[in-house]
Amino acid sequence: MFTLYLSQEQRLRKIFYIPFVVSFLIPKMNYLTLKLLNLEELKLLKITLEKEDLPWEDGKKTAGNQAAKVKNNLQLNKKSDISKQCGELISRKLLSNKLIKSFTLPKKIHGTMFTKSAKGMKYGRHIDNSYMSSGRADLSFTIFLNSKDSYEGGELLIENLNSEKKFKLNTGELLIYPSTYLHSVQEVTKGERFVCVGWIESYVKSIEEREYLFDLDAGAKGLLAKHGRSDELDLIFKSYSNLLRLLGN
């Protein structure tokens, strides 16, 4: 189990040089949230996604057999130029973030799509496919693109063996969680919900092994920032690199 307490969160801000990080981990649940998009990027996406005559289509088209039975939303045609351009922006932002790279060890970011849920729409309880045409799904992500005050309902509910948690994040905030978790999107009762979703294929499949590597990476970088380089620290970085070689695929 991986847990971040407030003091750890503050240390991670310094280690990874990020303006805002919030990570919640409850027993047997492992996820990360942080601010990903700035105001200019959000404004650009908002203007783009609110254009008339965009190729929105039934979300069931990209769902698996079981998930399609409970999926009721709209998504931007993945092959459209607008979807590709916006998806490239999201991929660049994810791969340029040091904390995300350390937490996920991304081999590939794939399947990125933009979804819209109007009043009465929801996505019932389901689990993401293990393998998609675009790659293996080790981690799932959701980026909230409009104000949580502009719609009612629409919470993302993630559940595990003995716990569950609802997420309705601020504009531009990202949630990353293991694709092995059951999850659902609650019914939107007012307004519209805009999000970007996608998947990450990690160099390391195991949740536990990614946790160990993340702790080791964060600890080593913290020591480097506090005390500078040392022979002992070189050994830690050596062990991290060799463990990644051993555990990676």
Protein backbone atom coordinates (compact mmCIF):
# COMPACT_ATOMS: atom_id res chain seq x y z
CA MET A 1 0.00 0.00 0.00
CA PHE A 2 1.31 3.42 -0.97
CA THR A 3 0.38 6.39 1.23
CA LEU A 4 1.25 10.06 0.96
CA TYR A 5 0.81 12.16 4.09
CA LEU A 6 0.79 15.96 4.02
CA SER A 7 4.46 16.26 5.00
CA GLN A 8 5.35 13.85 2.19
CA GLU A 9 3.26 15.89 -0.23
CA GLN A 10 5.19 19.04 0.70
CA ARG A 11 8.51 17.27 0.18
CA LEU A 12 7.39 16.01 -3.23
CA ARG A 13 6.54 19.55 -4.29
CA LYS A 14 10.15 20.53 -3.67
CA ILE A 15 11.62 17.37 -5.20
CA PHE A 16 9.65 17.52 -8.45
CA TYR A 17 9.31 21.33 -8.67
CA ILE A 18 5.57 21.31 -9.25
CA PRO A 19 3.15 24.06 -8.17
CA PHE A 20 0.36 21.87 -6.84
CA VAL A 21 0.16 18.24 -5.85
CA VAL A 22 -2.52 16.36 -3.97
CA SER A 23 -2.25 12.61 -3.55
CA PHE A 24 -4.78 10.58 -1.63
CA LEU A 25 -4.19 6.95 -0.89
CA ILE A 26 -6.58 4.95 1.26
CA PRO A 27 -6.17 1.29 2.15
CA LYS A 28 -5.82 -0.85 -0.98
CA MET A 29 -6.33 2.14 -3.29
CA ASN A 30 -3.52 3.85 -5.16
CA TYR A 31 -4.02 7.03 -7.13
CA LEU A 32 -2.56 10.46 -7.84
CA THR A 33 -4.13 13.85 -8.50
CA LEU A 34 -2.45 17.08 -9.56
CA LYS A 35 -2.96 20.27 -11.53
CA LEU A 36 -1.94 19.56 -15.13
CA LEU A 37 -3.30 22.28 -17.42
CA ASN A 38 -2.77 26.03 -17.08
CA LEU A 39 -5.35 28.74 -17.83
CA GLU A 40 -4.21 29.33 -21.41
CA GLU A 41 -4.37 25.63 -22.25
CA LEU A 42 -7.79 25.29 -20.65
CA LYS A 43 -9.09 28.31 -22.54
CA LEU A 44 -7.84 26.84 -25.82
CA LEU A 45 -9.49 23.48 -25.11
CA LYS A 46 -12.73 25.13 -23.99
CA ILE A 47 -13.00 27.22 -27.16
CA THR A 48 -12.19 24.17 -29.29
CA LEU A 49 -14.57 21.73 -27.61
CA GLU A 50 -17.49 24.17 -27.56
CA LYS A 51 -17.41 24.79 -31.31
CA GLU A 52 -20.52 23.92 -33.25
CA ASP A 53 -20.64 20.94 -35.62
CA LEU A 54 -17.89 18.97 -33.87
CA PRO A 55 -17.95 15.23 -34.64
CA TRP A 56 -19.42 14.05 -31.32
CA GLU A 57 -20.56 10.43 -31.47
CA ASP A 58 -22.02 7.72 -29.26
CA GLY A 59 -19.46 6.65 -26.64
CA LYS A 60 -20.51 3.02 -27.01
CA LYS A 61 -18.41 2.83 -30.18
CA THR A 62 -15.17 2.51 -28.20
CA ALA A 63 -16.45 0.50 -25.24
CA GLY A 64 -15.96 -3.23 -24.70
CA ASN A 65 -18.92 -5.60 -24.89
CA GLN A 66 -19.77 -5.36 -21.19
CA ALA A 67 -18.98 -1.66 -20.75
CA ALA A 68 -21.08 -0.71 -23.79
CA LYS A 69 -24.18 -1.94 -21.95
CA VAL A 70 -23.78 0.73 -19.26
CA LYS A 71 -22.10 3.56 -21.21
CA ASN A 72 -24.14 6.64 -22.06
CA ASN A 73 -22.03 9.62 -23.12
CA LEU A 74 -20.69 11.39 -26.18
CA GLN A 75 -17.10 11.44 -27.34
CA LEU A 76 -15.21 13.34 -29.97
CA ASN A 77 -14.37 11.22 -32.99
CA LYS A 78 -10.83 10.01 -32.25
CA LYS A 79 -9.82 10.21 -35.90
CA SER A 80 -10.83 13.87 -36.29
CA ASP A 81 -8.12 16.50 -36.62
CA ILE A 82 -9.39 18.38 -33.57
CA SER A 83 -9.25 15.26 -31.41
CA LYS A 84 -5.72 14.47 -32.58
CA GLN A 85 -4.47 18.04 -31.98
CA CYS A 86 -5.97 18.22 -28.48
CA GLY A 87 -4.72 14.71 -27.70
CA GLU A 88 -1.17 15.69 -28.65
CA LEU A 89 -1.33 18.60 -26.21
CA ILE A 90 -2.43 16.26 -23.41
CA SER A 91 0.32 13.73 -24.19
CA ARG A 92 3.00 16.46 -24.16
CA LYS A 93 1.79 17.75 -20.79
CA LEU A 94 1.77 14.28 -19.24
CA LEU A 95 5.23 13.34 -20.49
CA SER A 96 6.78 16.66 -19.45
CA ASN A 97 5.68 16.31 -15.82
CA LYS A 98 8.41 14.80 -13.64
CA LEU A 99 6.07 13.56 -10.94
CA ILE A 100 3.78 11.80 -13.43
CA LYS A 101 6.76 10.15 -15.11
CA SER A 102 8.12 8.93 -11.78
CA PHE A 103 4.71 7.70 -10.60
CA THR A 104 3.67 5.92 -13.82
CA LEU A 105 6.96 5.07 -15.62
CA PRO A 106 5.18 5.63 -18.94
CA LYS A 107 6.07 3.51 -21.94
CA LYS A 108 3.13 4.75 -23.97
CA ILE A 109 0.22 7.15 -23.53
CA HIS A 110 -2.64 6.02 -25.72
CA GLY A 111 -6.37 5.97 -26.39
CA THR A 112 -6.75 9.64 -25.46
CA MET A 113 -10.27 10.90 -26.11
CA PHE A 114 -12.53 13.75 -25.12
CA THR A 115 -15.96 13.01 -23.72
CA LYS A 116 -19.08 15.03 -22.98
CA SER A 117 -21.90 14.04 -20.65
CA ALA A 118 -25.11 16.06 -20.76
CA LYS A 119 -28.04 15.91 -18.34
CA GLY A 120 -29.21 12.31 -17.83
CA MET A 121 -25.97 10.74 -19.08
CA LYS A 122 -23.77 8.42 -17.03
CA TYR A 123 -21.31 5.56 -17.34
CA GLY A 124 -22.19 2.57 -15.19
CA ARG A 125 -19.88 0.32 -13.20
CA HIS A 126 -17.20 -1.23 -15.39
CA ILE A 127 -13.52 -2.04 -15.72
CA ASP A 128 -11.31 -0.91 -18.58
CA ASN A 129 -10.10 -3.46 -21.11
CA SER A 130 -6.67 -4.91 -20.33
CA TYR A 131 -5.50 -4.57 -23.91
CA MET A 132 -6.75 -2.14 -26.52
CA SER A 133 -5.82 -1.68 -30.14
CA SER A 134 -3.57 1.17 -29.03
CA GLY A 135 -1.76 -0.66 -26.20
CA ARG A 136 -1.96 -2.26 -22.74
CA ALA A 137 -3.88 -0.38 -20.05
CA ASP A 138 -1.91 -0.32 -16.78
CA LEU A 139 -3.14 3.07 -15.58
CA SER A 140 -6.20 5.13 -16.47
CA PHE A 141 -6.43 8.91 -16.32
CA THR A 142 -9.16 11.55 -16.33
CA ILE A 143 -8.56 15.29 -16.81
CA PHE A 144 -11.45 17.54 -15.78
CA LEU A 145 -11.92 20.28 -18.39
CA ASN A 146 -14.74 22.45 -17.05
CA SER A 147 -15.63 23.90 -13.69
CA LYS A 148 -17.11 21.42 -11.23
CA ASP A 149 -19.65 24.13 -10.37
CA SER A 150 -20.95 24.22 -13.95
CA TYR A 151 -22.64 20.83 -13.66
CA GLU A 152 -24.24 18.66 -11.00
CA GLY A 153 -23.57 14.96 -10.56
CA GLY A 154 -20.94 13.43 -12.83
CA GLU A 155 -18.62 12.26 -10.04
CA LEU A 156 -16.08 9.58 -10.95
CA LEU A 157 -16.49 6.74 -8.45
CA ILE A 158 -13.51 4.41 -8.02
CA GLU A 159 -13.88 1.29 -5.94
CA ASN A 160 -11.69 -1.48 -4.69
CA LEU A 161 -12.06 -4.45 -2.36
CA ASN A 162 -12.96 -2.57 0.83
CA SER A 163 -13.15 1.06 -0.22
CA GLU A 164 -14.53 3.55 -2.70
CA LYS A 165 -14.07 7.24 -3.36
CA LYS A 166 -15.81 9.86 -5.49
CA PHE A 167 -13.83 12.42 -7.50
CA LYS A 168 -15.04 15.70 -8.93
CA LEU A 169 -11.92 17.76 -9.41
CA ASN A 170 -11.27 21.37 -10.31
CA THR A 171 -10.72 22.55 -13.87
CA GLY A 172 -7.44 21.32 -15.31
CA GLU A 173 -6.81 18.75 -12.60
CA LEU A 174 -5.77 15.20 -13.40
CA LEU A 175 -6.55 11.89 -11.74
CA ILE A 176 -4.42 8.80 -12.42
CA TYR A 177 -5.44 5.40 -11.04
CA PRO A 178 -4.77 1.72 -11.81
CA SER A 179 -6.85 0.34 -14.67
CA THR A 180 -7.55 -2.73 -12.51
CA TYR A 181 -10.10 -0.80 -10.43
CA LEU A 182 -13.85 -0.92 -11.01
CA HIS A 183 -15.20 2.56 -11.61
CA SER A 184 -18.24 4.49 -12.83
CA VAL A 185 -19.39 8.01 -13.67
CA GLN A 186 -22.47 9.14 -11.79
CA GLU A 187 -25.42 10.58 -13.67
CA VAL A 188 -25.18 14.25 -14.66
CA THR A 189 -28.30 15.94 -13.34
CA LYS A 190 -27.60 19.49 -14.55
CA GLY A 191 -25.23 21.10 -17.06
CA GLU A 192 -22.54 19.32 -19.04
CA ARG A 193 -19.38 17.48 -17.97
CA PHE A 194 -16.28 17.69 -20.20
CA VAL A 195 -13.27 15.46 -19.53
CA CYS A 196 -10.31 13.95 -21.31
CA VAL A 197 -9.64 10.28 -20.62
CA GLY A 198 -6.89 7.90 -21.69
CA TRP A 199 -4.54 5.15 -20.65
CA ILE A 200 -0.88 4.64 -19.82
CA GLU A 201 1.12 1.55 -20.63
CA SER A 202 3.86 1.46 -18.02
CA TYR A 203 7.32 -0.06 -18.25
CA VAL A 204 6.38 -1.80 -14.98
CA LYS A 205 3.04 -3.65 -14.86
CA SER A 206 2.83 -4.25 -11.10
CA ILE A 207 1.26 -1.59 -8.85
CA GLU A 208 3.48 -2.66 -5.94
CA GLU A 209 6.68 -2.61 -7.99
CA ARG A 210 5.88 0.87 -9.35
CA GLU A 211 5.33 1.98 -5.76
CA TYR A 212 8.75 0.72 -4.65
CA LEU A 213 10.47 2.43 -7.58
CA PHE A 214 8.56 5.67 -6.98
CA ASP A 215 9.55 5.74 -3.30
CA LEU A 216 13.18 5.05 -4.20
CA ASP A 217 13.22 7.73 -6.90
CA ALA A 218 11.56 10.36 -4.70
CA GLY A 219 13.82 9.56 -1.76
CA ALA A 220 16.99 9.73 -3.85
CA LYS A 221 15.99 13.02 -5.47
CA GLY A 222 15.12 14.44 -2.06
CA LEU A 223 18.55 13.52 -0.69
CA LEU A 224 20.23 14.99 -3.75
CA ALA A 225 18.38 18.29 -3.32
CA LYS A 226 19.13 18.43 0.40
CA HIS A 227 22.72 17.19 0.58
CA GLY A 228 24.08 17.19 -2.95
CA ARG A 229 25.75 14.35 -4.76
CA SER A 230 27.60 11.64 -2.82
CA ASP A 231 29.06 8.18 -3.36
CA GLU A 232 26.25 6.69 -1.30
CA LEU A 233 23.63 8.47 -3.40
CA ASP A 234 25.27 7.18 -6.57
CA LEU A 235 24.66 3.66 -5.25
CA ILE A 236 20.98 4.44 -4.70
CA PHE A 237 20.57 5.79 -8.23
CA LYS A 238 22.46 2.74 -9.52
CA SER A 239 20.07 0.42 -7.66
CA TYR A 240 17.03 2.33 -8.99
CA SER A 241 18.24 2.09 -12.59
CA ASN A 242 19.07 -1.59 -12.30
CA LEU A 243 15.76 -2.41 -10.61
CA LEU A 244 13.95 -0.64 -13.44
CA ARG A 245 15.89 -2.77 -15.93
CA LEU A 246 15.01 -5.89 -13.97
CA LEU A 247 11.32 -5.14 -13.46
CA GLY A 248 10.61 -3.30 -16.69
CA ASN A 249 9.20 -4.80 -19.86
